[in-house]
C-alpha atoms as a PDB file:
ATOM      1  CA  MET A   1      -0.151   0.098  -0.008  1.00  0.00           C
ATOM      2  CA  THR A   2       1.497   3.342  -0.907  1.00  0.00           C
ATOM      3  CA  ALA A   3       2.274   6.137   1.637  1.00  0.00           C
ATOM      4  CA  GLN A   4      -0.642   8.381   0.145  1.00  0.00           C
ATOM      5  CA  LYS A   5      -3.215   5.438   1.186  1.00  0.00           C
ATOM      6  CA  HIS A   6      -1.967   5.893   4.793  1.00  0.00           C
ATOM      7  CA  THR A   7      -2.576   9.642   5.097  1.00  0.00           C
ATOM      8  CA  ALA A   8      -5.719  10.661   7.118  1.00  0.00           C
ATOM      9  CA  LEU A   9      -6.963  12.919   4.459  1.00  0.00           C
ATOM     10  CA  THR A  10      -6.588  10.773   1.423  1.00  0.00           C
ATOM     11  CA  GLY A  11      -6.963   7.327   2.139  1.00  0.00           C
ATOM     12  CA  LEU A  12      -9.798   4.849   3.407  1.00  0.00           C
ATOM     13  CA  LYS A  13      -8.797   2.761   6.515  1.00  0.00           C
ATOM     14  CA  ARG A  14      -7.760  -0.621   5.407  1.00  0.00           C
ATOM     15  CA  PHE A  15     -10.443  -3.268   6.584  1.00  0.00           C
ATOM     16  CA  SER A  16      -9.027  -6.252   8.532  1.00  0.00           C
ATOM     17  CA  LEU A  17     -11.419  -9.000   7.838  1.00  0.00           C
ATOM     18  CA  GLN A  18      -9.759 -11.107  11.128  1.00  0.00           C
ATOM     19  CA  THR A  19     -10.881  -7.894  13.397  1.00  0.00           C
ATOM     20  CA  TRP A  20     -14.361  -7.778  11.921  1.00  0.00           C
ATOM     21  CA  LEU A  21     -14.914 -11.515  12.786  1.00  0.00           C
ATOM     22  CA  LEU A  22     -13.258 -11.622  16.123  1.00  0.00           C
ATOM     23  CA  ALA A  23     -15.195  -8.431  16.991  1.00  0.00           C
ATOM     24  CA  GLY A  24     -18.354 -10.456  15.746  1.00  0.00           C
ATOM     25  CA  LEU A  25     -17.614 -13.194  18.069  1.00  0.00           C
ATOM     26  CA  LEU A  26     -17.619 -10.683  20.892  1.00  0.00           C
ATOM     27  CA  ILE A  27     -20.946  -8.962  19.846  1.00  0.00           C
ATOM     28  CA  ALA A  28     -22.294 -12.304  19.480  1.00  0.00           C
ATOM     29  CA  THR A  29     -21.164 -13.392  23.062  1.00  0.00           C
ATOM     30  CA  LEU A  30     -22.916 -10.337  24.268  1.00  0.00           C
ATOM     31  CA  GLY A  31     -26.084 -10.691  22.201  1.00  0.00           C
ATOM     32  CA  VAL A  32     -27.992 -12.691  25.055  1.00  0.00           C
ATOM     33  CA  ALA A  33     -27.514  -9.965  27.737  1.00  0.00           C
ATOM     34  CA  GLN A  34     -28.473  -7.136  25.200  1.00  0.00           C
ATOM     35  CA  ALA A  35     -31.593  -9.142  24.100  1.00  0.00           C
ATOM     36  CA  LYS A  36     -32.994  -8.856  27.923  1.00  0.00           C
ATOM     37  CA  THR A  37     -33.231  -5.178  27.239  1.00  0.00           C
ATOM     38  CA  PRO A  38     -36.442  -4.208  25.515  1.00  0.00           C
ATOM     39  CA  LEU A  39     -35.642  -0.799  24.816  1.00  0.00           C
ATOM     40  CA  ASP A  40     -32.406   0.583  23.211  1.00  0.00           C
ATOM     41  CA  ARG A  41     -30.912   3.881  25.059  1.00  0.00           C
ATOM     42  CA  ILE A  42     -29.997   7.289  23.239  1.00  0.00           C
ATOM     43  CA  ALA A  43     -26.282   7.589  23.831  1.00  0.00           C
ATOM     44  CA  ALA A  44     -26.058  11.156  22.377  1.00  0.00           C
ATOM     45  CA  VAL A  45     -27.947  13.477  19.960  1.00  0.00           C
ATOM     46  CA  VAL A  46     -26.055  15.218  17.232  1.00  0.00           C
ATOM     47  CA  ASN A  47     -27.906  18.231  15.771  1.00  0.00           C
ATOM     48  CA  ASN A  48     -30.913  16.150  14.220  1.00  0.00           C
ATOM     49  CA  ASP A  49     -29.172  12.768  14.331  1.00  0.00           C
ATOM     50  CA  ILE A  50     -29.176  10.253  17.278  1.00  0.00           C
ATOM     51  CA  ILE A  51     -26.557   7.818  18.303  1.00  0.00           C
ATOM     52  CA  LEU A  52     -27.838   4.639  20.056  1.00  0.00           C
ATOM     53  CA  LEU A  53     -26.083   2.939  22.933  1.00  0.00           C
ATOM     54  CA  SER A  54     -26.378  -0.518  20.775  1.00  0.00           C
ATOM     55  CA  GLU A  55     -24.411   1.214  18.003  1.00  0.00           C
ATOM     56  CA  LEU A  56     -21.880   2.495  20.533  1.00  0.00           C
ATOM     57  CA  ASP A  57     -21.403  -0.797  22.423  1.00  0.00           C
ATOM     58  CA  GLU A  58     -20.976  -2.473  18.945  1.00  0.00           C
ATOM     59  CA  GLN A  59     -18.248   0.133  17.888  1.00  0.00           C
ATOM     60  CA  THR A  60     -16.678  -0.215  21.172  1.00  0.00           C
ATOM     61  CA  ASN A  61     -16.034  -4.153  20.807  1.00  0.00           C
ATOM     62  CA  LEU A  62     -14.791  -3.494  17.427  1.00  0.00           C
ATOM     63  CA  SER A  63     -12.116  -1.307  18.666  1.00  0.00           C
ATOM     64  CA  LEU A  64     -11.356  -3.252  21.582  1.00  0.00           C
ATOM     65  CA  ALA A  65     -10.902  -6.169  19.235  1.00  0.00           C
ATOM     66  CA  GLU A  66      -8.598  -4.501  16.863  1.00  0.00           C
ATOM     67  CA  LEU A  67      -6.404  -2.958  19.536  1.00  0.00           C
ATOM     68  CA  ARG A  68      -5.835  -6.644  21.088  1.00  0.00           C
ATOM     69  CA  GLU A  69      -5.368  -7.943  17.788  1.00  0.00           C
ATOM     70  CA  ARG A  70      -2.549  -5.222  16.998  1.00  0.00           C
ATOM     71  CA  GLY A  71      -0.889  -6.532  20.504  1.00  0.00           C
ATOM     72  CA  ILE A  72      -2.076  -2.718  22.280  1.00  0.00           C
ATOM     73  CA  ASN A  73      -3.254  -3.347  25.886  1.00  0.00           C
ATOM     74  CA  PRO A  74      -6.273  -1.260  25.715  1.00  0.00           C
ATOM     75  CA  PRO A  75      -7.308   1.076  28.497  1.00  0.00           C
ATOM     76  CA  GLU A  76     -10.595   0.670  30.545  1.00  0.00           C
ATOM     77  CA  ARG A  77     -13.789  -0.099  28.455  1.00  0.00           C
ATOM     78  CA  SER A  78     -15.140   3.383  29.602  1.00  0.00           C
ATOM     79  CA  VAL A  79     -12.134   5.144  28.147  1.00  0.00           C
ATOM     80  CA  ILE A  80     -12.198   3.319  24.770  1.00  0.00           C
ATOM     81  CA  GLN A  81     -16.320   3.959  24.727  1.00  0.00           C
ATOM     82  CA  GLU A  82     -15.603   7.689  25.316  1.00  0.00           C
ATOM     83  CA  ARG A  83     -13.371   7.942  22.558  1.00  0.00           C
ATOM     84  CA  VAL A  84     -15.469   5.750  20.080  1.00  0.00           C
ATOM     85  CA  LEU A  85     -18.603   8.136  21.011  1.00  0.00           C
ATOM     86  CA  ASP A  86     -16.259  11.201  19.881  1.00  0.00           C
ATOM     87  CA  SER A  87     -15.476   9.350  16.881  1.00  0.00           C
ATOM     88  CA  ILE A  88     -18.957   8.616  15.885  1.00  0.00           C
ATOM     89  CA  ILE A  89     -20.121  11.922  16.642  1.00  0.00           C
ATOM     90  CA  MET A  90     -17.620  13.523  14.253  1.00  0.00           C
ATOM     91  CA  GLN A  91     -18.512  10.969  11.777  1.00  0.00           C
ATOM     92  CA  LYS A  92     -22.182  12.058  11.958  1.00  0.00           C
ATOM     93  CA  LEU A  93     -21.321  15.652  11.668  1.00  0.00           C
ATOM     94  CA  GLN A  94     -19.070  14.825   8.471  1.00  0.00           C
ATOM     95  CA  GLU A  95     -21.919  12.868   7.049  1.00  0.00           C
ATOM     96  CA  GLU A  96     -24.488  15.661   7.413  1.00  0.00           C
ATOM     97  CA  ARG A  97     -22.091  18.183   6.067  1.00  0.00           C
ATOM     98  CA  ALA A  98     -21.385  16.163   3.039  1.00  0.00           C
ATOM     99  CA  ARG A  99     -25.182  15.589   2.486  1.00  0.00           C
ATOM    100  CA  ASP A 100     -25.906  19.120   3.050  1.00  0.00           C
ATOM    101  CA  ARG A 101     -23.145  19.802   0.060  1.00  0.00           C
ATOM    102  CA  GLY A 102     -25.230  17.466  -2.051  1.00  0.00           C
ATOM    103  CA  LEU A 103     -22.336  14.661  -1.923  1.00  0.00           C
ATOM    104  CA  ARG A 104     -23.396  11.184  -2.967  1.00  0.00           C
ATOM    105  CA  VAL A 105     -21.752   7.880  -2.987  1.00  0.00           C
ATOM    106  CA  SER A 106     -22.768   5.351  -5.829  1.00  0.00           C
ATOM    107  CA  ASP A 107     -22.947   1.668  -5.421  1.00  0.00           C
ATOM    108  CA  GLU A 108     -20.241   1.110  -8.104  1.00  0.00           C
ATOM    109  CA  ASP A 109     -18.166   3.143  -5.668  1.00  0.00           C
ATOM    110  CA  ILE A 110     -18.927   0.813  -2.745  1.00  0.00           C
ATOM    111  CA  ASN A 111     -18.734  -2.231  -4.826  1.00  0.00           C
ATOM    112  CA  ARG A 112     -15.036  -1.336  -6.075  1.00  0.00           C
ATOM    113  CA  GLN A 113     -13.810  -1.137  -2.591  1.00  0.00           C
ATOM    114  CA  LEU A 114     -15.572  -4.311  -1.750  1.00  0.00           C
ATOM    115  CA  VAL A 115     -13.669  -6.340  -4.332  1.00  0.00           C
ATOM    116  CA  GLN A 116     -10.541  -4.830  -3.130  1.00  0.00           C
ATOM    117  CA  ILE A 117     -11.298  -6.095   0.142  1.00  0.00           C
ATOM    118  CA  ALA A 118     -12.216  -9.504  -1.170  1.00  0.00           C
ATOM    119  CA  GLN A 119      -9.232  -9.801  -3.141  1.00  0.00           C
ATOM    120  CA  GLU A 120      -6.862  -8.783  -0.248  1.00  0.00           C
ATOM    121  CA  ASN A 121      -8.561 -11.540   1.967  1.00  0.00           C
ATOM    122  CA  ASN A 122      -7.978 -13.989  -1.095  1.00  0.00           C
ATOM    123  CA  LEU A 123     -11.944 -14.195  -1.371  1.00  0.00           C
ATOM    124  CA  THR A 124     -14.493 -13.964  -4.001  1.00  0.00           C
ATOM    125  CA  LEU A 125     -17.077 -11.255  -3.471  1.00  0.00           C
ATOM    126  CA  ALA A 126     -19.700 -14.019  -2.710  1.00  0.00           C
ATOM    127  CA  GLN A 127     -17.361 -15.414  -0.202  1.00  0.00           C
ATOM    128  CA  LEU A 128     -16.641 -12.234   1.562  1.00  0.00           C
ATOM    129  CA  ARG A 129     -20.537 -11.756   1.932  1.00  0.00           C
ATOM    130  CA  ASP A 130     -21.219 -15.081   3.231  1.00  0.00           C
ATOM    131  CA  VAL A 131     -18.425 -14.709   5.674  1.00  0.00           C
ATOM    132  CA  LEU A 132     -19.670 -11.624   6.891  1.00  0.00           C
ATOM    133  CA  ASN A 133     -23.144 -12.689   7.245  1.00  0.00           C
ATOM    134  CA  ARG A 134     -22.229 -15.788   8.791  1.00  0.00           C
ATOM    135  CA  GLU A 135     -20.267 -14.058  11.630  1.00  0.00           C
ATOM    136  CA  GLN A 136     -22.724 -11.066  12.262  1.00  0.00           C
ATOM    137  CA  PRO A 137     -26.438 -10.233  11.342  1.00  0.00           C
ATOM    138  CA  ASP A 138     -26.735  -8.493   8.236  1.00  0.00           C
ATOM    139  CA  GLY A 139     -22.609  -8.267   8.423  1.00  0.00           C
ATOM    140  CA  PHE A 140     -22.197  -7.650   4.684  1.00  0.00           C
ATOM    141  CA  ASN A 141     -24.689  -4.701   4.526  1.00  0.00           C
ATOM    142  CA  LYS A 142     -22.997  -3.108   7.731  1.00  0.00           C
ATOM    143  CA  ILE A 143     -19.439  -3.175   5.851  1.00  0.00           C
ATOM    144  CA  ARG A 144     -21.303  -1.530   2.587  1.00  0.00           C
ATOM    145  CA  LYS A 145     -22.503   1.198   5.006  1.00  0.00           C
ATOM    146  CA  GLN A 146     -19.154   1.725   6.420  1.00  0.00           C
ATOM    147  CA  ILE A 147     -17.484   2.268   3.200  1.00  0.00           C
ATOM    148  CA  SER A 148     -20.175   4.497   2.094  1.00  0.00           C
ATOM    149  CA  SER A 149     -19.475   6.748   4.858  1.00  0.00           C
ATOM    150  CA  GLN A 150     -15.913   6.682   4.496  1.00  0.00           C
ATOM    151  CA  ILE A 151     -16.108   7.493   0.837  1.00  0.00           C
ATOM    152  CA  LEU A 152     -18.504  10.118   1.481  1.00  0.00           C
ATOM    153  CA  ILE A 153     -16.248  11.756   4.187  1.00  0.00           C
ATOM    154  CA  GLN A 154     -13.182  11.603   2.344  1.00  0.00           C
ATOM    155  CA  ARG A 155     -15.039  13.539  -0.596  1.00  0.00           C
ATOM    156  CA  LEU A 156     -16.008  16.073   1.877  1.00  0.00           C
ATOM    157  CA  ARG A 157     -12.681  16.673   3.237  1.00  0.00           C
ATOM    158  CA  GLU A 158     -11.179  17.007  -0.656  1.00  0.00           C
ATOM    159  CA  ILE A 159     -13.620  19.645  -1.132  1.00  0.00           C
ATOM    160  CA  GLU A 160     -13.611  21.517   2.180  1.00  0.00           C
ATOM    161  CA  VAL A 161      -9.826  21.247   2.854  1.00  0.00           C
ATOM    162  CA  ILE A 162      -7.479  19.859   0.052  1.00  0.00           C
ATOM    163  CA  SER A 163      -8.841  21.565  -2.816  1.00  0.00           C
ATOM    164  CA  GLN A 164      -8.659  24.921  -0.949  1.00  0.00           C
ATOM    165  CA  ILE A 165      -4.888  24.408  -0.865  1.00  0.00           C
ATOM    166  CA  ALA A 166      -2.795  26.177  -3.350  1.00  0.00           C
ATOM    167  CA  VAL A 167       0.529  24.522  -4.575  1.00  0.00           C
ATOM    168  CA  THR A 168       3.074  26.611  -6.286  1.00  0.00           C
ATOM    169  CA  GLU A 169       5.581  25.734  -8.911  1.00  0.00           C
ATOM    170  CA  ASP A 170       8.393  26.905  -6.604  1.00  0.00           C
ATOM    171  CA  GLU A 171       6.923  24.422  -3.988  1.00  0.00           C
ATOM    172  CA  VAL A 172       6.960  21.620  -6.418  1.00  0.00           C
ATOM    173  CA  GLN A 173      10.571  22.339  -7.670  1.00  0.00           C
ATOM    174  CA  GLN A 174      11.597  22.333  -4.018  1.00  0.00           C
ATOM    175  CA  PHE A 175       9.954  18.919  -3.342  1.00  0.00           C
ATOM    176  CA  ILE A 176      11.754  17.628  -6.179  1.00  0.00           C
ATOM    177  CA  GLN A 177      15.364  19.063  -5.210  1.00  0.00           C
ATOM    178  CA  ARG A 178      14.681  17.614  -1.697  1.00  0.00           C
ATOM    179  CA  ARG A 179      14.106  14.034  -3.075  1.00  0.00           C
ATOM    180  CA  GLN A 180      17.470  14.241  -4.534  1.00  0.00           C
ATOM    181  CA  LEU A 181      19.028  14.739  -1.048  1.00  0.00           C
ATOM    182  CA  ASP A 182      19.428  11.497   1.032  1.00  0.00           C
ATOM    183  CA  ALA A 183      17.402  13.088   3.983  1.00  0.00           C
ATOM    184  CA  ALA A 184      14.500  13.301   1.760  1.00  0.00           C
ATOM    185  CA  ASN A 185      14.441   9.746   0.429  1.00  0.00           C
ATOM    186  CA  ASN A 186      12.939   8.454   3.622  1.00  0.00           C
ATOM    187  CA  GLU A 187       9.446   7.446   4.588  1.00  0.00           C
ATOM    188  CA  TYR A 188       8.634   7.662   8.081  1.00  0.00           C
ATOM    189  CA  ARG A 189       5.819   5.576  10.211  1.00  0.00           C
ATOM    190  CA  LEU A 190       4.861   8.016  12.887  1.00  0.00           C
ATOM    191  CA  ALA A 191       2.572   7.985  15.903  1.00  0.00           C
ATOM    192  CA  HIS A 192       1.108  11.336  17.559  1.00  0.00           C
ATOM    193  CA  ILE A 193      -0.422  12.549  20.549  1.00  0.00           C
ATOM    194  CA  LEU A 194      -2.389  16.078  20.459  1.00  0.00           C
ATOM    195  CA  ILE A 195      -3.550  17.928  23.087  1.00  0.00           C
ATOM    196  CA  SER A 196      -5.741  20.659  21.784  1.00  0.00           C
ATOM    197  CA  ARG A 197      -5.879  24.473  22.797  1.00  0.00           C
ATOM    198  CA  PRO A 198      -9.191  26.635  22.224  1.00  0.00           C
ATOM    199  CA  ASP A 199      -9.059  29.428  19.919  1.00  0.00           C
ATOM    200  CA  SER A 200      -8.819  32.158  22.662  1.00  0.00           C
ATOM    201  CA  ALA A 201      -7.364  30.163  25.464  1.00  0.00           C
ATOM    202  CA  THR A 202      -6.755  32.190  28.737  1.00  0.00           C
ATOM    203  CA  GLN A 203      -3.560  31.960  30.429  1.00  0.00           C
ATOM    204  CA  ALA A 204      -4.980  29.376  32.955  1.00  0.00           C
ATOM    205  CA  GLN A 205      -6.188  27.023  30.213  1.00  0.00           C
ATOM    206  CA  ARG A 206      -2.608  27.313  28.884  1.00  0.00           C
ATOM    207  CA  ASN A 207      -1.101  26.482  31.946  1.00  0.00           C
ATOM    208  CA  ASP A 208      -3.595  23.496  32.601  1.00  0.00           C
ATOM    209  CA  LEU A 209      -2.669  22.078  29.081  1.00  0.00           C
ATOM    210  CA  GLN A 210       0.788  22.431  29.228  1.00  0.00           C
ATOM    211  CA  ALA A 211       0.774  20.643  32.676  1.00  0.00           C
ATOM    212  CA  ARG A 212      -1.107  17.743  31.256  1.00  0.00           C
ATOM    213  CA  ILE A 213       1.255  17.407  28.167  1.00  0.00           C
ATOM    214  CA  ASN A 214       4.194  17.603  30.531  1.00  0.00           C
ATOM    215  CA  ARG A 215       2.855  14.628  32.361  1.00  0.00           C
ATOM    216  CA  ILE A 216       1.931  12.477  29.221  1.00  0.00           C
ATOM    217  CA  HIS A 217       5.771  13.297  28.091  1.00  0.00           C
ATOM    218  CA  GLN A 218       7.145  12.276  31.332  1.00  0.00           C
ATOM    219  CA  GLN A 219       5.004   8.886  31.163  1.00  0.00           C
ATOM    220  CA  LEU A 220       6.375   8.421  27.594  1.00  0.00           C
ATOM    221  CA  ILE A 221       9.876   9.089  28.975  1.00  0.00           C
ATOM    222  CA  ASP A 222       9.443   6.567  31.811  1.00  0.00           C
ATOM    223  CA  GLY A 223       8.602   3.932  29.123  1.00  0.00           C
ATOM    224  CA  ALA A 224       4.715   3.754  29.268  1.00  0.00           C
ATOM    225  CA  PRO A 225       3.388   2.698  25.820  1.00  0.00           C
ATOM    226  CA  PHE A 226       2.887   5.314  23.337  1.00  0.00           C
ATOM    227  CA  ALA A 227      -0.049   3.691  21.635  1.00  0.00           C
ATOM    228  CA  GLU A 228      -2.107   3.145  25.228  1.00  0.00           C
ATOM    229  CA  LEU A 229      -1.452   6.955  26.043  1.00  0.00           C
ATOM    230  CA  ALA A 230      -2.484   7.892  22.625  1.00  0.00           C
ATOM    231  CA  ILE A 231      -5.596   6.109  23.069  1.00  0.00           C
ATOM    232  CA  THR A 232      -6.396   7.367  26.540  1.00  0.00           C
ATOM    233  CA  HIS A 233      -5.181  10.995  25.961  1.00  0.00           C
ATOM    234  CA  SER A 234      -4.844  12.201  22.603  1.00  0.00           C
ATOM    235  CA  GLU A 235      -7.421  14.343  20.776  1.00  0.00           C
ATOM    236  CA  GLY A 236      -5.934  13.604  17.249  1.00  0.00           C
ATOM    237  CA  ARG A 237      -8.179  11.933  14.937  1.00  0.00           C
ATOM    238  CA  GLN A 238      -5.866   8.652  14.957  1.00  0.00           C
ATOM    239  CA  ALA A 239      -6.193   8.543  18.571  1.00  0.00           C
ATOM    240  CA  LEU A 240      -8.315   5.170  18.650  1.00  0.00           C
ATOM    241  CA  ASN A 241      -5.681   3.776  16.446  1.00  0.00           C
ATOM    242  CA  GLY A 242      -3.154   4.425  18.968  1.00  0.00           C
ATOM    243  CA  GLY A 243      -2.165   7.623  17.270  1.00  0.00           C
ATOM    244  CA  ASP A 244      -0.676   5.860  14.146  1.00  0.00           C
ATOM    245  CA  LEU A 245      -0.448   8.065  11.252  1.00  0.00           C
ATOM    246  CA  GLY A 246       0.736   5.411   8.901  1.00  0.00           C
ATOM    247  CA  TRP A 247       3.651   5.845   6.428  1.00  0.00           C
ATOM    248  CA  LEU A 248       4.374   9.492   5.410  1.00  0.00           C
ATOM    249  CA  SER A 249       7.141  10.558   2.997  1.00  0.00           C
ATOM    250  CA  ASP A 250       9.536  13.495   4.291  1.00  0.00           C
ATOM    251  CA  ASP A 251       7.129  16.272   2.407  1.00  0.00           C
ATOM    252  CA  GLN A 252       3.865  14.862   3.968  1.00  0.00           C
ATOM    253  CA  ILE A 253       5.348  15.580   7.609  1.00  0.00           C
ATOM    254  CA  PRO A 254       3.323  18.779   9.112  1.00  0.00           C
ATOM    255  CA  SER A 255       5.912  21.514   8.942  1.00  0.00           C
ATOM    256  CA  PHE A 256       5.839  22.211  12.574  1.00  0.00           C
ATOM    257  CA  PHE A 257       7.575  19.110  13.557  1.00  0.00           C
ATOM    258  CA  ALA A 258       9.208  17.821  10.059  1.00  0.00           C
ATOM    259  CA  ASP A 259      12.623  19.024  11.320  1.00  0.00           C
ATOM    260  CA  THR A 260      11.966  17.069  14.619  1.00  0.00           C
ATOM    261  CA  VAL A 261      11.042  13.822  13.045  1.00  0.00           C
ATOM    262  CA  ARG A 262      14.250  14.003  10.845  1.00  0.00           C
ATOM    263  CA  ASN A 263      16.264  13.672  13.952  1.00  0.00           C
ATOM    264  CA  LEU A 264      14.428  10.634  15.593  1.00  0.00           C
ATOM    265  CA  ALA A 265      15.739   7.281  15.519  1.00  0.00           C
ATOM    266  CA  PRO A 266      13.004   4.571  15.744  1.00  0.00           C
ATOM    267  CA  GLY A 267      11.544   4.505  19.276  1.00  0.00           C
ATOM    268  CA  ASP A 268      12.507   7.905  19.841  1.00  0.00           C
ATOM    269  CA  ILE A 269       9.895  10.307  21.682  1.00  0.00           C
ATOM    270  CA  SER A 270      10.022  13.701  20.672  1.00  0.00           C
ATOM    271  CA  PRO A 271      10.050  16.900  22.877  1.00  0.00           C
ATOM    272  CA  ILE A 272       6.676  18.448  23.291  1.00  0.00           C
ATOM    273  CA  ILE A 273       5.962  20.480  20.089  1.00  0.00           C
ATOM    274  CA  GLU A 274       3.584  23.512  20.320  1.00  0.00           C
ATOM    275  CA  SER A 275       1.776  24.589  17.273  1.00  0.00           C
ATOM    276  CA  SER A 276      -1.294  26.765  16.667  1.00  0.00           C
ATOM    277  CA  ASN A 277      -3.470  23.628  17.244  1.00  0.00           C
ATOM    278  CA  GLY A 278      -2.076  22.731  20.731  1.00  0.00           C
ATOM    279  CA  PHE A 279       0.577  20.409  22.024  1.00  0.00           C
ATOM    280  CA  HIS A 280       2.242  17.600  20.224  1.00  0.00           C
ATOM    281  CA  ILE A 281       4.338  14.534  21.057  1.00  0.00           C
ATOM    282  CA  VAL A 282       5.479  12.186  18.313  1.00  0.00           C
ATOM    283  CA  THR A 283       7.441   8.980  18.168  1.00  0.00           C
ATOM    284  CA  LEU A 284       9.071   7.365  15.112  1.00  0.00           C
ATOM    285  CA  LEU A 285       7.957   3.990  14.723  1.00  0.00           C
ATOM    286  CA  ASP A 286       9.651   2.994  11.411  1.00  0.00           C
ATOM    287  CA  LYS A 287      11.651   4.479   8.587  1.00  0.00           C
ATOM    288  CA  ARG A 288      12.451   3.191   5.146  1.00  0.00           C
ATOM    289  CA  ARG A 289      13.961   4.321   1.676  1.00  0.00           C
ATOM    290  CA  THR A 290      11.882   5.470  -1.044  1.00  0.00           C
ATOM    291  CA  GLN A 291      12.018   4.290  -4.461  1.00  0.00           C
ATOM    292  CA  THR A 292      13.178   6.255  -7.503  1.00  0.00           C
ATOM    293  CA  GLN A 293      10.197   7.687  -9.504  1.00  0.00           C
ATOM    294  CA  SER A 294      10.092   9.035 -13.143  1.00  0.00           C
ATOM    295  CA  GLN A 295       9.845  12.940 -13.225  1.00  0.00           C
ATOM    296  CA  THR A 296       6.111  13.030 -14.244  1.00  0.00           C
ATOM    297  CA  ALA A 297       5.557  10.689 -11.245  1.00  0.00           C
ATOM    298  CA  LEU A 298       7.509  12.829  -8.810  1.00  0.00           C
ATOM    299  CA  GLU A 299       5.784  15.891  -9.901  1.00  0.00           C
ATOM    300  CA  GLN A 300       2.562  14.370  -9.274  1.00  0.00           C
ATOM    301  CA  GLU A 301       3.557  12.972  -5.952  1.00  0.00           C
ATOM    302  CA  ALA A 302       4.896  16.406  -5.230  1.00  0.00           C
ATOM    303  CA  ILE A 303       1.599  17.966  -5.586  1.00  0.00           C
ATOM    304  CA  GLN A 304      -0.480  15.453  -3.421  1.00  0.00           C
ATOM    305  CA  ALA A 305       2.197  15.440  -0.897  1.00  0.00           C
ATOM    306  CA  ILE A 306       2.297  19.182  -0.429  1.00  0.00           C
ATOM    307  CA  ARG A 307      -1.294  19.227  -0.231  1.00  0.00           C
ATOM    308  CA  ASN A 308      -1.487  16.427   2.318  1.00  0.00           C
ATOM    309  CA  ARG A 309       1.070  17.887   4.527  1.00  0.00           C
ATOM    310  CA  LYS A 310      -0.777  21.622   4.616  1.00  0.00           C
ATOM    311  CA  GLY A 311      -4.219  19.873   4.689  1.00  0.00           C
ATOM    312  CA  ASN A 312      -2.676  17.985   8.060  1.00  0.00           C
ATOM    313  CA  GLU A 313      -1.589  21.228   9.469  1.00  0.00           C
ATOM    314  CA  THR A 314      -5.137  22.665   9.123  1.00  0.00           C
ATOM    315  CA  PHE A 315      -7.502  19.524   9.502  1.00  0.00           C
ATOM    316  CA  ASP A 316      -7.624  19.359  13.187  1.00  0.00           C
ATOM    317  CA  LEU A 317      -8.809  23.003  13.454  1.00  0.00           C
ATOM    318  CA  TRP A 318     -11.396  22.339  10.792  1.00  0.00           C
ATOM    319  CA  MET A 319     -12.657  19.369  12.606  1.00  0.00           C
ATOM    320  CA  ARG A 320     -12.640  21.365  15.889  1.00  0.00           C
ATOM    321  CA  ARG A 321     -14.633  24.291  14.386  1.00  0.00           C
ATOM    322  CA  LEU A 322     -17.005  21.876  12.651  1.00  0.00           C
ATOM    323  CA  ARG A 323     -17.851  20.249  16.125  1.00  0.00           C
ATOM    324  CA  ASP A 324     -18.026  23.959  17.691  1.00  0.00           C
ATOM    325  CA  ASP A 325     -20.978  24.981  15.123  1.00  0.00           C
ATOM    326  CA  ALA A 326     -22.745  21.665  16.236  1.00  0.00           C
ATOM    327  CA  VAL A 327     -25.468  21.146  18.822  1.00  0.00           C
ATOM    328  CA  ILE A 328     -24.359  17.941  20.687  1.00  0.00           C
ATOM    329  CA  ASP A 329     -26.167  16.249  23.728  1.00  0.00           C
ATOM    330  CA  ILE A 330     -24.364  13.364  25.287  1.00  0.00           C
ATOM    331  CA  ARG A 331     -26.724  11.496  27.592  1.00  0.00           C
ATOM    332  CA  LEU A 332     -24.153   8.811  28.974  1.00  0.00           C
END
């Protein structure tokens, strides 16, 4: 999978059939207990939409299963549930915004993704459908809905964030020149913790946030697992994934911590980095050399990478403002 597919702004999250099946077994185990509850509870109201407790429980089980599959010891269920609820809220807000802008996803778009998923798991599309339906009631249609939502949100982000970013010829040429240097021929797999800061933070708020990020940083220096602290504390969009940002080329890394990343060795913890969004800590999970490309391919990659980098620098702010404009009532 290319580095571009791993970026938060352009790629769909890779589907793990093993995770889905494991979560299906967990949900099935809970099915008897849940069946005794005659009415579903409302976990939250997001503008004119609702999030049911059953939906929250199912997504929490999926997240727990995926973390355990990856060897990450998850925090208490209540912490994961809170993170999952926040993720669902942001998904609802983005879906609503996309619908308001008239964005739609066709069956053909969904089917292309399903065929790719089936091929990655060495299955035909019919076999994939049978496996999912066997492990979860209506499992195949649930996956279709997930894929539809991901494509819809991806298109919204491209319209509202990526397409608004200008890339100059000078920036493209600088990208190409950097690629000719040893330092720029690398890709970095990063994990990230973000503690957000309000737009008009008071000095007291700034002090509280600084103390919070200092405590997290000290825990990391003392050997606490980065993924576990990211899940528990980070306000970045990849928090539930242990803060894993995937593979990024040198020019896709947000500029405010790019120089720091280049000086990290795998396993190193960065100093605390401050930006307009708040406070950041990153760790380098792995590093690899990139392959030589043709001039045309390099120019295309340059445009995409520069847009992604600029988008990553502004995306958290866009998400925060989207949430600030919403009416959210959490009832847990």
